[in-house]
N, C-alpha and C. Protein backbone atom coordinates (compact mmCIF):
# COMPACT_ATOMS: atom_id res chain seq x y z
N MET A 1 -12.88 -8.91 4.71
CA MET A 1 -11.95 -9.80 3.62
C MET A 1 -12.58 -10.01 2.67
N MET A 2 -11.25 -9.81 1.28
CA MET A 2 -11.57 -10.18 0.01
C MET A 2 -11.62 -11.78 -0.07
N ALA A 3 -13.63 -12.19 -1.07
CA ALA A 3 -13.19 -13.71 -1.29
C ALA A 3 -12.00 -13.91 -2.22
N ALA A 4 -11.97 -15.02 -2.23
CA ALA A 4 -10.76 -16.00 -2.80
C ALA A 4 -10.55 -15.50 -4.33
N ASP A 5 -11.96 -15.60 -4.98
CA ASP A 5 -11.58 -15.28 -6.38
C ASP A 5 -11.58 -13.58 -6.53
N SER A 6 -12.08 -12.81 -5.79
CA SER A 6 -11.63 -11.24 -5.91
C SER A 6 -10.09 -11.11 -5.76
N LYS A 7 -9.40 -11.91 -5.30
CA LYS A 7 -8.11 -11.76 -4.59
C LYS A 7 -7.75 -12.20 -6.05
N ARG A 8 -7.78 -13.48 -6.85
CA ARG A 8 -7.15 -13.55 -7.84
C ARG A 8 -6.96 -12.66 -8.92
N GLN A 9 -8.29 -12.15 -9.08
CA GLN A 9 -8.80 -11.57 -9.94
C GLN A 9 -7.66 -9.66 -10.17
N HIS A 10 -7.60 -9.76 -8.82
CA HIS A 10 -6.63 -8.34 -8.60
C HIS A 10 -5.06 -8.32 -8.32
N TRP A 11 -4.29 -9.56 -8.75
CA TRP A 11 -3.25 -9.81 -7.90
C TRP A 11 -1.97 -9.00 -8.38
N TRP A 12 -2.38 -8.69 -9.90
CA TRP A 12 -1.70 -7.65 -10.39
C TRP A 12 -1.73 -6.26 -10.11
N GLU A 13 -2.55 -5.79 -9.48
CA GLU A 13 -2.58 -4.36 -8.55
C GLU A 13 -1.71 -4.36 -7.17
N CYS A 14 -0.60 -4.49 -7.04
CA CYS A 14 -0.18 -4.68 -5.87
C CYS A 14 0.81 -3.76 -5.45
N VAL A 15 1.04 -3.30 -4.28
CA VAL A 15 2.00 -2.59 -3.69
C VAL A 15 3.38 -3.61 -2.71
N GLU A 16 4.17 -2.94 -2.20
CA GLU A 16 5.40 -3.61 -1.57
C GLU A 16 5.53 -2.57 -0.62
N VAL A 17 5.41 -3.08 0.61
CA VAL A 17 5.33 -2.12 1.55
C VAL A 17 6.65 -2.68 2.44
N ALA A 18 8.10 -1.57 2.74
CA ALA A 18 9.21 -2.04 3.90
C ALA A 18 9.29 -1.15 5.07
N ARG A 19 9.29 -1.25 5.76
CA ARG A 19 9.19 -0.71 7.35
C ARG A 19 10.80 -0.32 7.52
N LEU A 20 11.09 0.58 7.42
CA LEU A 20 12.04 0.86 8.05
C LEU A 20 12.26 1.82 9.14
N SER A 21 13.48 2.04 9.93
CA SER A 21 13.76 2.32 11.16
C SER A 21 12.71 3.61 11.53
N ARG A 22 12.19 5.27 10.24
CA ARG A 22 11.68 6.06 10.84
C ARG A 22 10.40 6.23 9.86
N VAL A 23 10.78 5.30 8.50
CA VAL A 23 9.57 5.32 7.80
C VAL A 23 9.03 4.21 7.52
N ASN A 24 8.02 4.57 5.98
CA ASN A 24 7.30 3.02 5.56
C ASN A 24 7.70 3.68 4.24
N VAL A 25 7.99 2.29 3.61
CA VAL A 25 8.53 2.73 2.10
C VAL A 25 7.41 1.93 1.18
N VAL A 26 6.66 2.58 0.22
CA VAL A 26 5.74 2.05 -0.35
C VAL A 26 5.95 2.02 -1.94
N ARG A 27 5.97 1.17 -2.63
CA ARG A 27 6.31 0.84 -4.45
C ARG A 27 5.65 0.08 -5.27
N ASP A 28 5.48 0.25 -6.10
CA ASP A 28 4.60 -0.54 -7.15
C ASP A 28 5.18 -1.79 -7.08
N SER A 29 4.75 -3.54 -6.75
CA SER A 29 5.39 -4.14 -6.90
C SER A 29 5.81 -4.97 -8.61
N LYS A 30 5.22 -4.06 -9.43
CA LYS A 30 5.44 -4.34 -11.24
C LYS A 30 6.36 -3.31 -11.12
N ASP A 31 6.73 -2.27 -10.89
CA ASP A 31 8.55 -1.51 -11.32
C ASP A 31 9.20 -1.22 -9.60
N PRO A 32 9.52 -2.54 -9.49
CA PRO A 32 10.41 -2.43 -7.91
C PRO A 32 11.60 -1.11 -8.30
N GLU A 33 12.21 -0.84 -9.48
CA GLU A 33 13.30 0.00 -9.77
C GLU A 33 12.53 1.34 -9.88
N GLY A 34 11.89 1.64 -9.96
CA GLY A 34 10.87 2.97 -10.12
C GLY A 34 10.56 4.03 -9.03
N ASP A 35 9.76 4.85 -8.75
CA ASP A 35 9.31 5.42 -7.67
C ASP A 35 9.26 4.64 -6.27
N PHE A 36 9.12 5.68 -5.42
CA PHE A 36 8.49 5.29 -4.23
C PHE A 36 8.04 6.58 -3.13
N LEU A 37 6.98 5.79 -2.45
CA LEU A 37 6.93 7.00 -1.55
C LEU A 37 7.10 6.47 0.02
N ALA A 38 7.81 7.61 0.32
CA ALA A 38 8.02 7.42 1.93
C ALA A 38 7.24 8.05 2.84
N LEU A 39 6.69 7.32 4.00
CA LEU A 39 5.62 7.97 4.84
C LEU A 39 6.28 7.74 6.22
N GLY A 40 6.04 8.87 6.82
CA GLY A 40 6.50 8.95 8.31
C GLY A 40 5.42 8.39 9.22
N ARG A 41 5.78 7.97 10.16
CA ARG A 41 4.58 7.20 11.09
C ARG A 41 3.13 7.85 11.44
N GLU A 42 3.28 9.37 11.66
CA GLU A 42 1.64 10.09 11.57
C GLU A 42 1.22 9.97 10.33
N ALA A 43 1.88 10.11 9.45
CA ALA A 43 1.40 10.23 7.72
C ALA A 43 0.97 8.16 7.10
N TRP A 44 1.78 7.21 7.60
CA TRP A 44 1.84 5.95 7.34
C TRP A 44 -0.08 6.09 7.89
N ALA A 45 -0.07 6.30 9.58
CA ALA A 45 -1.15 6.05 10.23
C ALA A 45 -2.38 6.73 9.80
N ALA A 46 -2.38 7.93 9.40
CA ALA A 46 -2.83 8.49 8.78
C ALA A 46 -3.83 8.15 6.85
N LEU A 47 -2.79 7.48 6.60
CA LEU A 47 -3.19 6.84 5.32
C LEU A 47 -3.99 5.42 5.29
N LEU A 48 -3.77 5.14 6.09
CA LEU A 48 -4.32 3.56 6.71
C LEU A 48 -6.16 3.65 6.79
N GLY A 49 -5.91 4.84 8.21
CA GLY A 49 -7.08 5.20 8.46
C GLY A 49 -8.08 5.34 7.27
N GLU A 50 -7.48 6.37 6.46
CA GLU A 50 -8.17 6.39 5.37
C GLU A 50 -8.51 5.34 4.12
N ILE A 51 -7.78 4.74 4.48
CA ILE A 51 -7.82 3.75 3.65
C ILE A 51 -9.16 2.92 3.92
N LYS A 52 -8.50 2.13 4.99
CA LYS A 52 -10.09 1.80 6.13
C LYS A 52 -11.42 1.84 5.86
N ARG A 53 -11.37 3.68 5.65
CA ARG A 53 -12.69 4.68 5.71
C ARG A 53 -13.08 4.43 4.22
N GLY A 54 -12.66 3.76 3.48
CA GLY A 54 -12.89 4.20 1.95
C GLY A 54 -12.67 5.04 1.37
N ALA A 55 -11.61 6.23 1.68
CA ALA A 55 -11.42 7.37 1.14
C ALA A 55 -10.99 7.21 -0.36
N HIS A 56 -10.48 6.65 -0.05
CA HIS A 56 -9.38 6.11 -1.73
C HIS A 56 -9.96 5.10 -2.16
N ASP A 57 -10.10 5.28 -3.92
CA ASP A 57 -10.44 4.43 -4.50
C ASP A 57 -9.70 2.93 -5.08
N LEU A 58 -9.50 2.17 -3.81
CA LEU A 58 -8.41 1.41 -3.96
C LEU A 58 -9.16 -0.14 -4.53
């Protein structure tokens, strides 16, 4: 869990996730009309696993 101070420092670096029937859709919260990424269940699970392992610079 992040400390409250670090959450406030990075509030502008957010994405939104919507779970639809067969995919999870991810978009930049600052650009809701922009491009989005749609991931199937397996790809979504793989991405979450990579994020939890620190494989991405987030």
